[in-house]
Amino acid sequence: MSVGTRNKGLLAATVMALMMSGLAVFLIFTVQNGSTAISANEISEIATMQQATVDCDFGFSSMKTGTSVILEDTITNTLGSIIPSLLIIGTISVDAGEDKHDTLRARILHEIENFPGIHLRELRRHLDCAMGALQYHLSNLEEAGLVVSHRMGNTRHLFIDGFTSEERNMELAALIRNATVRSIIQQCLAESEITQAELSRVLSLDKSLVSYYVSSLLDADIVQKLKVFGREKPLVVKEWAVKAIADLGLALE
């Protein structure tokens, strides 16, 4: 019997019904990707593949119920009734598709390339996939040298290998993933000089929120405060950051 992806639930329902009827049901399955067996921790990937087909055969036999008791170095079997049993042996064949863009791994690379500095949970939202499958692929991609990560605090940001070799560029790209940070940098670039109070008013943001993100930008050496006597020090974006935004094609929109 061959059961397509959408009908795998029918197989499960049938097995449950048989078990409730008194049959002892044994299932022996191997999972294959084409002709190559895949490991148990890859089974979660099946949901991301184009098609998964269950192929199985049924065999009826009988078994004896009862208990085995060890008594004076001998095994005594206390047999009960004989009940019918059902043995199901088969394979789950997975068709991953030939086009690499149809695979989760290719989609991960595509998203990271288009959104440098993206973090794990944001990537999962973009792909709408299982976290386990995503982490599995990312681990393999990092081991293969196709993806690199940079940790900022408790967050790991992802980049395609070769995006940049400079840590400060990675931090810039990672911070720009935040919409508020992008707005602050945009406004700083639009004005020759602007204070935090002016940013708060122009962007309609709470002063404490502006202060929080400006502190992050100061710590990353992306902006600096000008020395002005007698009033609040205005902010400017540093030259290296302006150049990096242009060279790396980082979007501020």
Foldseek 3Di string as FASTA:
>chain_A
DKDWPVCVVVVVVVVVVCVVVPAAEAEAEFEEAAPHGDDPLCPLQLVLAPIKMKDKDKDKDKDWDFDWDQDPNDIDTDTDDITMYMYIYTYIYTYRDDDPCSGPLVVLLVVCAVQPFDWLVSSCVVVVGDSSNVVVSVVVCVVVQQKDWDDDVNIITIHGRPLDPDPLLSLLSNLLVDLLLLLVQVVQVVDVWAALVRSCVVVVHDSVVSVVSVVSCVVSVQKDFDDDPDDGTTIHGDPVNVVSCVVSVRDSD
